[in-house]
Amino acid sequence: MTSTLVKVAALGLVAAGARRYYRNWGATKEECRAELPGDELISEPSIVNTDAVWIDATPEVIWQWLVQIGQDRGGLYSYETLENLFGLHIRNADSIHPEWQSLEVGDVVRLVPKGWLGIRNGLALPVVESSPHRHIVLREQEPDTPWDAVWSFHIIPHWEDRCRLVVRSRQHRRQILDVLGAELAGPVTALMTRKMLLGIKFRAERQYSRTLQAAQTRPGRTPATTASAR
């Protein structure tokens, strides 16, 4: 038993040391230090991670894709084949679905289906804050799960049609084994989160580009006037 704990602790230390190579992907130092909605829910986190990506689209377009997230909705825009190998039954949306364009406080974002790995209700995080075109804050806490965490998404405009999409996770782990488990899962979580950001980026930029192209071909609308409108 003691040797097993030593091995687990050693793996945890290696994972913690490797964090600097995968944590805070794409985020600037200022973004990592910035206070974001949802941070106040966990005042003393043991693990914090901030990831970000540039998206050349308006907040309204990005929001349409972000608000659809969920295993039973538009998917998680990550590695669909890999997720389904683990029985998650995810199908990432490639179009906007009107029925998924609302996400209110009290709704849930499902990450895994009910019954997955014998978990009766699966894993679904309740929405505790939702501001259209701005941010979504999800909460993970007892009694629904044994963990205390916040997962939040933030659309930060820098120009009319260029934004930062920032994802932050804050976790409070009371037990050393919980911390070690989170550290060991860190690289996989970072990989999936990075792919999710890139998946939203690809879809939003494609949609926005098509919208601009359509505007340019309208009667009486020239590419010059369209460009100046931007």
Protein backbone atom coordinates (compact mmCIF):
# COMPACT_ATOMS: atom_id res chain seq x y z
CA MET A 1 0.00 0.00 0.00
CA THR A 2 2.79 2.37 0.95
CA SER A 3 4.72 1.67 -2.25
CA THR A 4 1.58 2.34 -4.31
CA LEU A 5 1.08 5.70 -2.63
CA VAL A 6 4.72 6.56 -3.26
CA LYS A 7 4.33 5.73 -6.96
CA VAL A 8 1.16 7.79 -7.22
CA ALA A 9 2.83 10.69 -5.43
CA ALA A 10 5.83 10.46 -7.77
CA LEU A 11 3.56 10.52 -10.82
CA GLY A 12 1.74 13.50 -9.38
CA LEU A 13 4.98 15.38 -8.89
CA VAL A 14 6.05 14.65 -12.46
CA ALA A 15 2.67 15.82 -13.77
CA ALA A 16 2.85 18.97 -11.64
CA GLY A 17 6.32 19.70 -12.96
CA ALA A 18 5.12 19.22 -16.54
CA ARG A 19 2.28 21.70 -16.09
CA ARG A 20 4.35 24.60 -17.38
CA TYR A 21 4.44 22.87 -20.78
CA TYR A 22 0.70 22.46 -21.20
CA ARG A 23 -1.12 24.80 -18.81
CA ASN A 24 -2.46 28.23 -19.79
CA TRP A 25 -2.31 27.38 -23.50
CA GLY A 26 -2.62 30.48 -25.68
CA ALA A 27 -3.31 32.81 -22.75
CA THR A 28 -1.24 35.90 -22.00
CA LYS A 29 0.10 36.66 -18.53
CA GLU A 30 -2.45 39.45 -18.24
CA GLU A 31 -5.30 37.06 -19.07
CA CYS A 32 -4.05 34.55 -16.53
CA ARG A 33 -4.00 37.23 -13.82
CA ALA A 34 -7.29 38.87 -14.83
CA GLU A 35 -10.35 38.49 -12.60
CA LEU A 36 -13.19 36.90 -14.54
CA PRO A 37 -16.85 36.24 -13.70
CA GLY A 38 -17.08 33.03 -11.69
CA ASP A 39 -13.67 33.39 -10.02
CA GLU A 40 -15.32 34.60 -6.81
CA LEU A 41 -17.07 31.23 -6.36
CA ILE A 42 -13.77 29.61 -5.38
CA SER A 43 -11.64 32.12 -3.51
CA GLU A 44 -8.69 29.82 -2.74
CA PRO A 45 -8.29 27.34 -5.61
CA SER A 46 -5.61 24.69 -5.51
CA ILE A 47 -5.50 24.43 -9.31
CA VAL A 48 -6.13 27.24 -11.83
CA ASN A 49 -5.82 27.07 -15.59
CA THR A 50 -6.58 29.65 -18.28
CA ASP A 51 -6.62 28.90 -22.02
CA ALA A 52 -7.39 31.30 -24.86
CA VAL A 53 -7.56 31.70 -28.61
CA TRP A 54 -8.07 34.52 -31.11
CA ILE A 55 -11.24 34.26 -33.19
CA ASP A 56 -11.87 36.49 -36.20
CA ALA A 57 -15.61 36.86 -35.77
CA THR A 58 -18.09 38.94 -33.83
CA PRO A 59 -19.15 38.07 -30.26
CA GLU A 60 -22.64 37.27 -31.56
CA VAL A 61 -21.32 34.64 -33.97
CA ILE A 62 -18.98 33.07 -31.41
CA TRP A 63 -21.80 32.94 -28.86
CA GLN A 64 -24.01 30.94 -31.23
CA TRP A 65 -21.47 28.11 -31.19
CA LEU A 66 -20.47 28.41 -27.54
CA VAL A 67 -24.02 28.30 -26.19
CA GLN A 68 -24.62 24.96 -27.94
CA ILE A 69 -22.01 23.05 -25.93
CA GLY A 70 -23.02 19.83 -24.24
CA GLN A 71 -22.88 16.09 -24.81
CA ASP A 72 -26.60 16.01 -25.56
CA ARG A 73 -26.55 19.28 -27.53
CA GLY A 74 -23.92 20.52 -30.00
CA GLY A 75 -21.08 18.46 -28.56
CA LEU A 76 -17.82 19.73 -27.11
CA TYR A 77 -16.08 20.52 -30.43
CA SER A 78 -13.13 18.36 -29.42
CA TYR A 79 -11.84 14.95 -30.57
CA GLU A 80 -15.17 13.33 -31.40
CA THR A 81 -13.73 9.93 -32.38
CA LEU A 82 -11.67 9.71 -29.21
CA GLU A 83 -14.60 10.79 -27.04
CA ASN A 84 -16.85 8.17 -28.57
CA LEU A 85 -14.26 5.45 -28.03
CA PHE A 86 -14.94 6.08 -24.34
CA GLY A 87 -18.68 5.80 -24.84
CA LEU A 88 -19.58 9.49 -24.61
CA HIS A 89 -21.92 9.39 -27.64
CA ILE A 90 -20.98 12.88 -28.81
CA ARG A 91 -21.72 14.36 -32.21
CA ASN A 92 -20.18 17.78 -32.74
CA ALA A 93 -22.52 20.19 -34.52
CA ASP A 94 -21.43 21.86 -37.75
CA SER A 95 -24.41 24.19 -37.96
CA ILE A 96 -26.37 26.48 -35.67
CA HIS A 97 -29.40 24.82 -34.06
CA PRO A 98 -32.13 27.23 -32.91
CA GLU A 99 -33.27 24.80 -30.20
CA TRP A 100 -29.85 25.03 -28.51
CA GLN A 101 -29.52 28.82 -28.55
CA SER A 102 -30.72 29.33 -24.98
CA LEU A 103 -28.73 28.53 -21.85
CA GLU A 104 -30.19 29.98 -18.68
CA VAL A 105 -29.16 29.88 -15.03
CA GLY A 106 -30.33 26.54 -13.66
CA ASP A 107 -29.85 24.70 -16.96
CA VAL A 108 -27.09 22.11 -17.15
CA VAL A 109 -24.28 21.42 -19.60
CA ARG A 110 -23.88 17.66 -19.85
CA LEU A 111 -20.34 16.32 -20.26
CA VAL A 112 -21.07 12.58 -20.24
CA PRO A 113 -24.32 10.65 -20.77
CA LYS A 114 -26.44 9.23 -17.97
CA GLY A 115 -25.24 5.79 -16.89
CA TRP A 116 -21.69 6.33 -18.16
CA LEU A 117 -19.29 4.07 -16.21
CA GLY A 118 -22.19 3.17 -13.96
CA ILE A 119 -22.78 6.77 -12.89
CA ARG A 120 -26.55 7.02 -12.78
CA ASN A 121 -26.88 10.67 -13.70
CA GLY A 122 -23.61 10.94 -15.62
CA LEU A 123 -21.94 14.33 -15.23
CA ALA A 124 -23.78 17.56 -15.92
CA LEU A 125 -22.64 20.97 -14.67
CA PRO A 126 -25.30 23.53 -13.74
CA VAL A 127 -25.18 27.01 -15.23
CA VAL A 128 -24.78 29.56 -12.43
CA GLU A 129 -24.26 32.61 -14.65
CA SER A 130 -25.04 33.28 -18.29
CA SER A 131 -24.61 36.60 -20.10
CA PRO A 132 -25.35 36.36 -23.85
CA HIS A 133 -22.38 37.21 -26.09
CA ARG A 134 -20.18 37.55 -22.99
CA HIS A 135 -19.76 34.56 -20.68
CA ILE A 136 -21.05 31.27 -19.27
CA VAL A 137 -20.12 30.03 -15.78
CA LEU A 138 -20.57 26.36 -14.86
CA ARG A 139 -20.34 24.99 -11.31
CA GLU A 140 -19.24 21.59 -10.06
CA GLN A 141 -19.88 20.86 -6.37
CA GLU A 142 -21.43 18.53 -3.83
CA PRO A 143 -23.81 16.76 -3.64
CA ASP A 144 -23.86 16.29 -7.41
CA THR A 145 -20.14 15.54 -7.61
CA PRO A 146 -17.39 15.05 -5.00
CA TRP A 147 -15.40 17.96 -6.46
CA ASP A 148 -15.53 21.72 -6.03
CA ALA A 149 -14.76 23.54 -9.28
CA VAL A 150 -15.77 26.31 -11.66
CA TRP A 151 -15.53 26.09 -15.45
CA SER A 152 -16.13 29.38 -17.25
CA PHE A 153 -16.11 30.66 -20.84
CA HIS A 154 -15.53 34.31 -21.75
CA ILE A 155 -15.88 36.15 -25.07
CA ILE A 156 -13.73 39.28 -24.91
CA PRO A 157 -14.00 41.61 -27.94
CA HIS A 158 -10.90 43.53 -29.00
CA TRP A 159 -12.32 44.92 -32.26
CA GLU A 160 -15.73 44.74 -33.85
CA ASP A 161 -14.97 41.41 -35.48
CA ARG A 162 -12.04 40.00 -33.50
CA CYS A 163 -12.31 38.46 -30.06
CA ARG A 164 -10.53 36.40 -27.49
CA LEU A 165 -12.29 33.26 -26.31
CA VAL A 166 -10.99 32.49 -22.82
CA VAL A 167 -11.68 29.32 -20.86
CA ARG A 168 -10.83 29.16 -17.17
CA SER A 169 -11.03 26.34 -14.65
CA ARG A 170 -10.63 26.82 -10.90
CA GLN A 171 -10.57 23.80 -8.62
CA HIS A 172 -10.51 23.46 -4.87
CA ARG A 173 -9.19 20.05 -3.85
CA ARG A 174 -9.17 19.22 -0.17
CA GLN A 175 -7.46 15.81 -0.26
CA ILE A 176 -3.93 15.19 -1.51
CA LEU A 177 -5.12 12.28 -3.66
CA ASP A 178 -7.67 14.55 -5.31
CA VAL A 179 -4.92 17.02 -6.17
CA LEU A 180 -2.72 14.23 -7.55
CA GLY A 181 -5.60 12.87 -9.60
CA ALA A 182 -6.28 16.29 -11.09
CA GLU A 183 -2.59 16.75 -11.91
CA LEU A 184 -2.44 13.35 -13.63
CA ALA A 185 -5.51 14.19 -15.70
CA GLY A 186 -4.14 17.64 -16.52
CA PRO A 187 -2.44 16.85 -19.86
CA VAL A 188 -5.52 15.08 -21.24
CA THR A 189 -7.83 17.85 -20.05
CA ALA A 190 -5.54 20.49 -21.58
CA LEU A 191 -5.45 18.64 -24.91
CA MET A 192 -9.24 18.33 -25.08
CA THR A 193 -9.77 21.95 -24.04
CA ARG A 194 -7.32 23.20 -26.66
CA LYS A 195 -9.12 21.22 -29.37
CA MET A 196 -12.47 22.59 -28.16
CA LEU A 197 -11.21 26.17 -28.50
CA LEU A 198 -9.88 25.46 -31.97
CA GLY A 199 -13.13 23.73 -32.90
CA ILE A 200 -15.18 26.79 -31.94
CA LYS A 201 -12.67 29.06 -33.69
CA PHE A 202 -12.91 27.10 -36.95
CA ARG A 203 -16.71 27.05 -36.97
CA ALA A 204 -17.18 30.69 -35.97
CA GLU A 205 -14.63 32.02 -38.47
CA ARG A 206 -16.11 29.91 -41.26
CA GLN A 207 -19.60 31.17 -40.50
CA TYR A 208 -18.50 34.80 -40.29
CA SER A 209 -16.51 34.54 -43.53
CA ARG A 210 -19.54 33.14 -45.33
CA THR A 211 -21.68 35.96 -43.96
CA LEU A 212 -19.23 38.56 -45.31
CA GLN A 213 -19.07 36.85 -48.69
CA ALA A 214 -22.85 36.78 -48.91
CA ALA A 215 -23.00 40.48 -48.04
CA GLN A 216 -20.52 41.30 -50.79
CA THR A 217 -22.67 39.64 -53.46
CA ARG A 218 -25.90 41.44 -52.56
CA PRO A 219 -27.23 43.80 -55.25
CA GLY A 220 -25.95 47.35 -54.73
CA ARG A 221 -23.33 46.14 -52.26
CA THR A 222 -19.73 46.19 -53.42
CA PRO A 223 -16.71 44.64 -51.70
CA ALA A 224 -15.40 48.16 -51.00
CA THR A 225 -18.53 49.23 -49.12
CA THR A 226 -18.63 45.94 -47.23
CA ALA A 227 -15.01 46.33 -46.15
CA SER A 228 -15.60 49.89 -45.02
CA ALA A 229 -18.59 48.73 -42.94
CA ARG A 230 -16.26 46.50 -40.96
